[in-house]
C-alpha atoms as a PDB file:
ATOM      1  CA  MET A   1      -5.783  44.756 -24.704  1.00  0.00           C
ATOM      2  CA  LYS A   2      -2.810  43.551 -22.834  1.00  0.00           C
ATOM      3  CA  LEU A   3      -2.878  41.233 -19.664  1.00  0.00           C
ATOM      4  CA  MET A   4      -1.846  43.984 -17.144  1.00  0.00           C
ATOM      5  CA  ASP A   5      -4.461  46.389 -18.704  1.00  0.00           C
ATOM      6  CA  LEU A   6      -7.162  43.441 -18.226  1.00  0.00           C
ATOM      7  CA  PHE A   7      -6.144  42.931 -14.895  1.00  0.00           C
ATOM      8  CA  LEU A   8      -6.182  46.552 -13.922  1.00  0.00           C
ATOM      9  CA  ALA A   9      -9.579  46.956 -15.779  1.00  0.00           C
ATOM     10  CA  ARG A  10     -11.166  44.051 -13.874  1.00  0.00           C
ATOM     11  CA  PRO A  11      -9.478  43.824 -10.554  1.00  0.00           C
ATOM     12  CA  LEU A  12     -12.280  42.235  -8.625  1.00  0.00           C
ATOM     13  CA  SER A  13     -12.861  39.634 -11.023  1.00  0.00           C
ATOM     14  CA  MET A  14      -9.342  38.657 -11.155  1.00  0.00           C
ATOM     15  CA  TYR A  15      -9.019  38.676  -7.238  1.00  0.00           C
ATOM     16  CA  PHE A  16     -11.896  36.147  -7.101  1.00  0.00           C
ATOM     17  CA  LEU A  17     -10.399  34.088  -9.650  1.00  0.00           C
ATOM     18  CA  LEU A  18      -7.097  33.895  -7.978  1.00  0.00           C
ATOM     19  CA  GLN A  19      -8.790  33.197  -4.542  1.00  0.00           C
ATOM     20  CA  SER A  20     -10.562  30.428  -6.189  1.00  0.00           C
ATOM     21  CA  PHE A  21      -7.380  29.166  -7.744  1.00  0.00           C
ATOM     22  CA  VAL A  22      -5.472  29.279  -4.548  1.00  0.00           C
ATOM     23  CA  LEU A  23      -8.284  27.324  -2.578  1.00  0.00           C
ATOM     24  CA  LEU A  24      -8.560  24.811  -5.376  1.00  0.00           C
ATOM     25  CA  ILE A  25      -4.624  24.233  -4.943  1.00  0.00           C
ATOM     26  CA  LEU A  26      -5.021  23.822  -1.161  1.00  0.00           C
ATOM     27  CA  CYS A  27      -7.871  21.177  -1.546  1.00  0.00           C
ATOM     28  CA  PHE A  28      -5.975  19.353  -3.959  1.00  0.00           C
ATOM     29  CA  HIS A  29      -2.958  19.286  -1.860  1.00  0.00           C
ATOM     30  CA  SER A  30      -4.924  18.271   1.284  1.00  0.00           C
ATOM     31  CA  ALA A  31      -6.724  15.447  -0.806  1.00  0.00           C
ATOM     32  CA  SER A  32      -3.400  14.261  -2.138  1.00  0.00           C
ATOM     33  CA  MET A  33      -1.953  13.815   1.566  1.00  0.00           C
ATOM     34  CA  CYS A  34      -5.084  12.373   2.941  1.00  0.00           C
ATOM     35  CA  PRO A  35      -4.271   8.878   4.711  1.00  0.00           C
ATOM     36  CA  LYS A  36      -5.576   5.837   2.939  1.00  0.00           C
ATOM     37  CA  GLY A  37      -9.243   5.154   4.150  1.00  0.00           C
ATOM     38  CA  CYS A  38      -9.867   8.720   5.379  1.00  0.00           C
ATOM     39  CA  LEU A  39     -11.588  11.610   4.161  1.00  0.00           C
ATOM     40  CA  CYS A  40     -10.034  15.079   4.227  1.00  0.00           C
ATOM     41  CA  SER A  41     -11.759  18.452   3.955  1.00  0.00           C
ATOM     42  CA  HIS A  42     -10.527  21.998   4.120  1.00  0.00           C
ATOM     43  CA  ILE A  43     -13.137  24.912   4.988  1.00  0.00           C
ATOM     44  CA  SER A  44     -11.638  27.047   7.750  1.00  0.00           C
ATOM     45  CA  SER A  45      -9.087  24.304   8.865  1.00  0.00           C
ATOM     46  CA  LEU A  46      -8.247  20.865   7.847  1.00  0.00           C
ATOM     47  CA  ASN A  47     -10.612  18.122   9.021  1.00  0.00           C
ATOM     48  CA  VAL A  48      -9.429  14.594   8.846  1.00  0.00           C
ATOM     49  CA  SER A  49     -12.047  11.788   9.274  1.00  0.00           C
ATOM     50  CA  CYS A  50     -10.749   8.333   9.616  1.00  0.00           C
ATOM     51  CA  SER A  51     -14.088   6.820  11.303  1.00  0.00           C
ATOM     52  CA  ASN A  52     -15.101   3.434  10.822  1.00  0.00           C
ATOM     53  CA  ALA A  53     -12.031   2.908   8.513  1.00  0.00           C
ATOM     54  CA  ASN A  54     -11.057  -0.505  10.110  1.00  0.00           C
ATOM     55  CA  LEU A  55      -7.691   0.911  11.160  1.00  0.00           C
ATOM     56  CA  LYS A  56      -5.520  -1.038  13.442  1.00  0.00           C
ATOM     57  CA  GLU A  57      -2.968   1.716  14.230  1.00  0.00           C
ATOM     58  CA  ILE A  58      -3.030   5.432  13.996  1.00  0.00           C
ATOM     59  CA  PRO A  59      -1.809   6.444  10.395  1.00  0.00           C
ATOM     60  CA  LYS A  60       1.748   8.078  10.273  1.00  0.00           C
ATOM     61  CA  ASP A  61       1.186   9.983   7.231  1.00  0.00           C
ATOM     62  CA  LEU A  62      -1.460  12.612   8.821  1.00  0.00           C
ATOM     63  CA  PRO A  63      -1.246  16.101   7.182  1.00  0.00           C
ATOM     64  CA  PRO A  64       0.949  18.451   9.393  1.00  0.00           C
ATOM     65  CA  GLU A  65      -1.860  21.145   9.108  1.00  0.00           C
ATOM     66  CA  THR A  66      -4.589  18.699  10.585  1.00  0.00           C
ATOM     67  CA  ALA A  67      -6.935  20.657  13.048  1.00  0.00           C
ATOM     68  CA  LEU A  68      -9.862  18.026  13.768  1.00  0.00           C
ATOM     69  CA  LEU A  69      -8.817  14.369  13.633  1.00  0.00           C
ATOM     70  CA  TYR A  70     -11.406  11.778  14.005  1.00  0.00           C
ATOM     71  CA  LEU A  71     -10.103   8.119  14.442  1.00  0.00           C
ATOM     72  CA  ASP A  72     -13.183   6.738  16.160  1.00  0.00           C
ATOM     73  CA  SER A  73     -14.753   3.372  15.577  1.00  0.00           C
ATOM     74  CA  ASN A  74     -11.717   1.528  14.516  1.00  0.00           C
ATOM     75  CA  GLN A  75      -9.573  -1.335  15.933  1.00  0.00           C
ATOM     76  CA  ILE A  76      -6.653   0.692  17.208  1.00  0.00           C
ATOM     77  CA  ARG A  77      -4.802  -0.879  20.218  1.00  0.00           C
ATOM     78  CA  SER A  78      -2.326   1.596  21.191  1.00  0.00           C
ATOM     79  CA  VAL A  79      -1.076   5.222  21.030  1.00  0.00           C
ATOM     80  CA  PRO A  80       2.646   5.352  20.679  1.00  0.00           C
ATOM     81  CA  ASN A  81       5.028   7.992  21.840  1.00  0.00           C
ATOM     82  CA  GLU A  82       5.186  11.225  19.797  1.00  0.00           C
ATOM     83  CA  ILE A  83       2.578   9.938  17.190  1.00  0.00           C
ATOM     84  CA  PHE A  84       0.998  13.381  16.894  1.00  0.00           C
ATOM     85  CA  LYS A  85       4.146  15.433  17.209  1.00  0.00           C
ATOM     86  CA  ASP A  86       4.013  17.117  13.932  1.00  0.00           C
ATOM     87  CA  LEU A  87       0.236  18.006  14.211  1.00  0.00           C
ATOM     88  CA  HIS A  88       1.061  21.519  15.738  1.00  0.00           C
ATOM     89  CA  GLN A  89      -2.609  22.893  14.897  1.00  0.00           C
ATOM     90  CA  LEU A  90      -4.478  19.711  16.233  1.00  0.00           C
ATOM     91  CA  LYS A  91      -7.518  21.041  18.361  1.00  0.00           C
ATOM     92  CA  VAL A  92      -9.900  18.020  18.412  1.00  0.00           C
ATOM     93  CA  LEU A  93      -8.819  14.303  18.763  1.00  0.00           C
ATOM     94  CA  ASN A  94     -11.371  11.538  18.783  1.00  0.00           C
ATOM     95  CA  LEU A  95     -10.246   8.125  19.600  1.00  0.00           C
ATOM     96  CA  SER A  96     -13.359   6.690  21.192  1.00  0.00           C
ATOM     97  CA  LYS A  97     -14.824   3.231  20.270  1.00  0.00           C
ATOM     98  CA  ASN A  98     -11.537   1.504  19.673  1.00  0.00           C
ATOM     99  CA  VAL A  99      -9.753  -1.172  21.632  1.00  0.00           C
ATOM    100  CA  ILE A 100      -7.017   0.957  23.080  1.00  0.00           C
ATOM    101  CA  GLU A 101      -5.236  -0.658  25.962  1.00  0.00           C
ATOM    102  CA  SER A 102      -1.875   1.281  25.972  1.00  0.00           C
ATOM    103  CA  ILE A 103      -1.218   4.924  25.928  1.00  0.00           C
ATOM    104  CA  GLU A 104       2.521   5.645  26.085  1.00  0.00           C
ATOM    105  CA  GLU A 105       3.928   8.456  28.295  1.00  0.00           C
ATOM    106  CA  GLN A 106       4.759  10.792  25.611  1.00  0.00           C
ATOM    107  CA  ALA A 107       1.845  10.033  23.333  1.00  0.00           C
ATOM    108  CA  PHE A 108       0.500  13.469  23.206  1.00  0.00           C
ATOM    109  CA  LYS A 109       3.950  15.388  22.949  1.00  0.00           C
ATOM    110  CA  GLY A 110       3.703  18.252  20.637  1.00  0.00           C
ATOM    111  CA  VAL A 111      -0.134  18.937  20.787  1.00  0.00           C
ATOM    112  CA  ALA A 112      -0.535  19.304  24.415  1.00  0.00           C
ATOM    113  CA  ASP A 113      -0.754  23.093  24.050  1.00  0.00           C
ATOM    114  CA  THR A 114      -3.217  23.179  21.278  1.00  0.00           C
ATOM    115  CA  LEU A 115      -5.476  20.265  21.882  1.00  0.00           C
ATOM    116  CA  GLN A 116      -8.866  21.443  23.152  1.00  0.00           C
ATOM    117  CA  THR A 117     -10.932  18.017  23.058  1.00  0.00           C
ATOM    118  CA  LEU A 118      -9.768  14.444  23.630  1.00  0.00           C
ATOM    119  CA  ASP A 119     -12.044  11.650  23.636  1.00  0.00           C
ATOM    120  CA  LEU A 120     -10.727   8.301  24.795  1.00  0.00           C
ATOM    121  CA  SER A 121     -14.120   6.966  25.894  1.00  0.00           C
ATOM    122  CA  ASN A 122     -15.216   3.292  25.204  1.00  0.00           C
ATOM    123  CA  ASN A 123     -11.812   1.739  25.077  1.00  0.00           C
ATOM    124  CA  LYS A 124      -9.949  -0.738  27.109  1.00  0.00           C
ATOM    125  CA  ILE A 125      -7.604   1.388  29.189  1.00  0.00           C
ATOM    126  CA  LYS A 126      -6.894   0.122  32.671  1.00  0.00           C
ATOM    127  CA  SER A 127      -4.016   2.352  33.654  1.00  0.00           C
ATOM    128  CA  VAL A 128      -1.631   4.924  32.113  1.00  0.00           C
ATOM    129  CA  HIS A 129       1.487   6.540  33.286  1.00  0.00           C
ATOM    130  CA  LYS A 130       0.817   9.413  35.927  1.00  0.00           C
ATOM    131  CA  ASP A 131       2.484  11.896  33.411  1.00  0.00           C
ATOM    132  CA  THR A 132       0.686  10.959  30.083  1.00  0.00           C
ATOM    133  CA  PHE A 133      -1.906  13.733  30.248  1.00  0.00           C
ATOM    134  CA  SER A 134       0.084  16.017  32.702  1.00  0.00           C
ATOM    135  CA  LYS A 135       0.519  18.923  30.235  1.00  0.00           C
ATOM    136  CA  LEU A 136      -2.799  18.706  28.432  1.00  0.00           C
ATOM    137  CA  LYS A 137      -4.707  21.802  28.685  1.00  0.00           C
ATOM    138  CA  GLY A 138      -8.140  20.749  27.005  1.00  0.00           C
ATOM    139  CA  ARG A 139     -10.983  18.837  28.169  1.00  0.00           C
ATOM    140  CA  ALA A 140     -10.833  15.012  28.074  1.00  0.00           C
ATOM    141  CA  GLN A 141     -13.304  12.234  28.226  1.00  0.00           C
ATOM    142  CA  PHE A 142     -12.368   8.911  29.874  1.00  0.00           C
ATOM    143  CA  SER A 143     -15.449   7.123  30.439  1.00  0.00           C
ATOM    144  CA  ASP A 144     -16.473   3.568  29.508  1.00  0.00           C
ATOM    145  CA  ASN A 145     -12.973   2.066  30.099  1.00  0.00           C
ATOM    146  CA  PRO A 146     -12.054  -0.725  32.711  1.00  0.00           C
ATOM    147  CA  TRP A 147     -10.106   1.508  34.781  1.00  0.00           C
ATOM    148  CA  HIS A 148      -7.965   0.324  37.871  1.00  0.00           C
ATOM    149  CA  CYS A 149      -8.607   2.801  40.694  1.00  0.00           C
ATOM    150  CA  ASP A 150      -5.330   3.371  42.562  1.00  0.00           C
ATOM    151  CA  CYS A 151      -2.956   6.032  43.194  1.00  0.00           C
ATOM    152  CA  THR A 152      -1.616   6.188  39.775  1.00  0.00           C
ATOM    153  CA  LEU A 153      -5.083   7.223  38.596  1.00  0.00           C
ATOM    154  CA  GLN A 154      -5.480   9.807  41.166  1.00  0.00           C
ATOM    155  CA  GLN A 155      -2.036  11.212  40.103  1.00  0.00           C
ATOM    156  CA  VAL A 156      -3.406  11.152  36.439  1.00  0.00           C
ATOM    157  CA  LEU A 157      -6.281  13.244  37.254  1.00  0.00           C
ATOM    158  CA  HIS A 158      -4.892  15.602  39.527  1.00  0.00           C
ATOM    159  CA  GLY A 159      -4.225  19.052  37.985  1.00  0.00           C
ATOM    160  CA  MET A 160      -6.190  18.245  34.741  1.00  0.00           C
ATOM    161  CA  PRO A 161      -8.732  20.842  33.746  1.00  0.00           C
ATOM    162  CA  SER A 162     -12.250  19.632  34.575  1.00  0.00           C
ATOM    163  CA  ASN A 163     -10.855  16.683  36.595  1.00  0.00           C
ATOM    164  CA  HIS A 164     -13.966  16.394  39.012  1.00  0.00           C
ATOM    165  CA  GLU A 165     -16.225  15.961  35.986  1.00  0.00           C
ATOM    166  CA  MET A 166     -13.881  13.277  34.680  1.00  0.00           C
ATOM    167  CA  ALA A 167     -13.602  11.613  37.972  1.00  0.00           C
ATOM    168  CA  SER A 168     -17.284  11.503  38.385  1.00  0.00           C
ATOM    169  CA  ASN A 169     -17.506   9.563  34.946  1.00  0.00           C
ATOM    170  CA  ILE A 170     -14.875   6.890  35.667  1.00  0.00           C
ATOM    171  CA  ILE A 171     -16.074   3.749  37.124  1.00  0.00           C
ATOM    172  CA  CYS A 172     -13.582   1.581  38.960  1.00  0.00           C
ATOM    173  CA  GLU A 173     -13.724  -1.974  37.394  1.00  0.00           C
ATOM    174  CA  THR A 174     -10.913  -2.878  39.776  1.00  0.00           C
ATOM    175  CA  ALA A 175      -9.496  -0.982  42.681  1.00  0.00           C
ATOM    176  CA  ALA A 176      -6.833  -0.921  45.066  1.00  0.00           C
ATOM    177  CA  LEU A 177      -9.395  -1.207  47.795  1.00  0.00           C
ATOM    178  CA  LYS A 178     -12.022  -4.016  46.917  1.00  0.00           C
ATOM    179  CA  GLU A 179     -14.809  -1.973  48.550  1.00  0.00           C
ATOM    180  CA  HIS A 180     -14.393   0.520  45.783  1.00  0.00           C
ATOM    181  CA  THR A 181     -14.923  -1.761  42.676  1.00  0.00           C
ATOM    182  CA  GLY A 182     -17.992  -0.754  40.823  1.00  0.00           C
ATOM    183  CA  LYS A 183     -18.038   2.799  42.374  1.00  0.00           C
ATOM    184  CA  SER A 184     -17.221   6.063  40.470  1.00  0.00           C
ATOM    185  CA  PHE A 185     -13.585   7.092  41.021  1.00  0.00           C
ATOM    186  CA  ILE A 186     -14.523  10.343  42.688  1.00  0.00           C
ATOM    187  CA  SER A 187     -16.588   8.243  45.384  1.00  0.00           C
ATOM    188  CA  ALA A 188     -13.437   6.250  46.043  1.00  0.00           C
ATOM    189  CA  ALA A 189     -11.108   9.221  46.273  1.00  0.00           C
ATOM    190  CA  ASN A 190     -13.501  10.835  48.785  1.00  0.00           C
ATOM    191  CA  GLU A 191     -13.574   7.758  50.942  1.00  0.00           C
ATOM    192  CA  ALA A 192      -9.774   7.382  50.924  1.00  0.00           C
ATOM    193  CA  ASP A 193      -6.501   9.123  49.789  1.00  0.00           C
ATOM    194  CA  LEU A 194      -5.294   6.271  47.419  1.00  0.00           C
ATOM    195  CA  CYS A 195      -1.755   7.275  47.484  1.00  0.00           C
ATOM    196  CA  ASN A 196      -1.739   6.890  51.299  1.00  0.00           C
ATOM    197  CA  LEU A 197      -2.718   3.537  51.518  1.00  0.00           C
ATOM    198  CA  SER A 198       0.687   2.034  51.630  1.00  0.00           C
ATOM    199  CA  LYS A 199       1.873   4.557  54.111  1.00  0.00           C
ATOM    200  CA  LYS A 200      -1.101   3.493  56.454  1.00  0.00           C
ATOM    201  CA  THR A 201      -0.629  -0.054  56.099  1.00  0.00           C
ATOM    202  CA  THR A 202       3.029   0.469  56.902  1.00  0.00           C
ATOM    203  CA  ASP A 203       2.156   2.637  60.015  1.00  0.00           C
ATOM    204  CA  VAL A 204      -0.272  -0.037  61.146  1.00  0.00           C
ATOM    205  CA  ALA A 205       2.288  -2.565  60.846  1.00  0.00           C
ATOM    206  CA  MET A 206       4.736  -0.600  62.831  1.00  0.00           C
ATOM    207  CA  LEU A 207       2.289  -0.107  65.697  1.00  0.00           C
ATOM    208  CA  VAL A 208       1.657  -3.698  65.773  1.00  0.00           C
ATOM    209  CA  THR A 209       5.355  -4.448  65.931  1.00  0.00           C
ATOM    210  CA  MET A 210       5.986  -1.840  68.701  1.00  0.00           C
ATOM    211  CA  PHE A 211       3.062  -3.207  70.674  1.00  0.00           C
ATOM    212  CA  GLY A 212       4.591  -6.725  70.437  1.00  0.00           C
ATOM    213  CA  TRP A 213       7.969  -5.600  71.786  1.00  0.00           C
ATOM    214  CA  PHE A 214       6.511  -3.405  74.403  1.00  0.00           C
ATOM    215  CA  THR A 215       4.340  -6.445  75.563  1.00  0.00           C
ATOM    216  CA  MET A 216       7.273  -8.555  75.543  1.00  0.00           C
ATOM    217  CA  VAL A 217       9.321  -6.085  77.761  1.00  0.00           C
ATOM    218  CA  ILE A 218       6.495  -5.692  80.162  1.00  0.00           C
ATOM    219  CA  SER A 219       6.244  -9.487  80.554  1.00  0.00           C
ATOM    220  CA  TYR A 220       9.984  -9.545  81.145  1.00  0.00           C
ATOM    221  CA  VAL A 221      10.011  -7.111  83.753  1.00  0.00           C
ATOM    222  CA  VAL A 222       7.076  -8.720  85.472  1.00  0.00           C
ATOM    223  CA  TYR A 223       8.875 -12.141  85.484  1.00  0.00           C
ATOM    224  CA  TYR A 224      11.952 -10.444  86.576  1.00  0.00           C
ATOM    225  CA  VAL A 225      10.340  -8.938  89.571  1.00  0.00           C
ATOM    226  CA  ARG A 226       8.589 -11.937  90.572  1.00  0.00           C
ATOM    227  CA  GLN A 227      11.694 -13.922  90.593  1.00  0.00           C
ATOM    228  CA  ASN A 228      13.498 -11.387  92.655  1.00  0.00           C
ATOM    229  CA  GLN A 229      10.596 -11.500  95.366  1.00  0.00           C
ATOM    230  CA  GLU A 230      10.660 -15.172  95.679  1.00  0.00           C
END
C-alpha cells in the first residue's frame, strides 16, 4: 500500500501522530532554550520556573514565548531597563523574595499591556521613578518592602489598578513626615497630600516673611508719628 493510500485510509491515526510529533518538537525547542538553572514546561503556554536558582540577575536568554515567569527566592538586586521587552506573551511575573533595590524606569517596557500579575513583595525597594509602573494594566503586589512614603510614591500608585489595595499593603519604613513612619501608606495619604508638603512649607514661610515686614512697617509708622508729635 502506498504512503498516500495509508494516510487516506487512516486519517485520524495519522492526525494524532502528526500532532504528537509537533508537540514533541515544541517541547524540545522550549527545553533547548530554557535558561540555565530554570525549568521550562509547555502545556497551553510556556511556563519558565527559575525559583530558588541562586540567580544574581535576571536571565537575558528567556524564551520569547514565555507566558509565566517565576524568578522568586533568588538574589536578584535590580531590574534593568527593557529586560522583558521581547516577552510579548508574558502574563505572570513573580520577582518576590529577592533583594531588589533598584527598578529602572523602563524596566517593564514591552510587557505593560500583557502583564496581568506582578509580584515584587519581600524585597528591599525604597523608591522608584514615578513612571516605572504607569503603563501597567495588571495587578501588582508591593508589600514587605522598606518603602519611603513621599510624593513620588503617591505618584507611582496614582492611576494604577487596585491602587487602594496596594496602598493599604504598603508600610512606610521612612516618610517625608516623621509621624507617618510605621503607618500604612493609605493612612499617610489620608492624613496629608504628600505632593503639597513643600508648597505648604513655602506658603508658611511667605506668610511669616510678610508678617515680619508688616510688623516692621507698623513699627516705623508708629515711631514716625511719635517723633512728629514731639
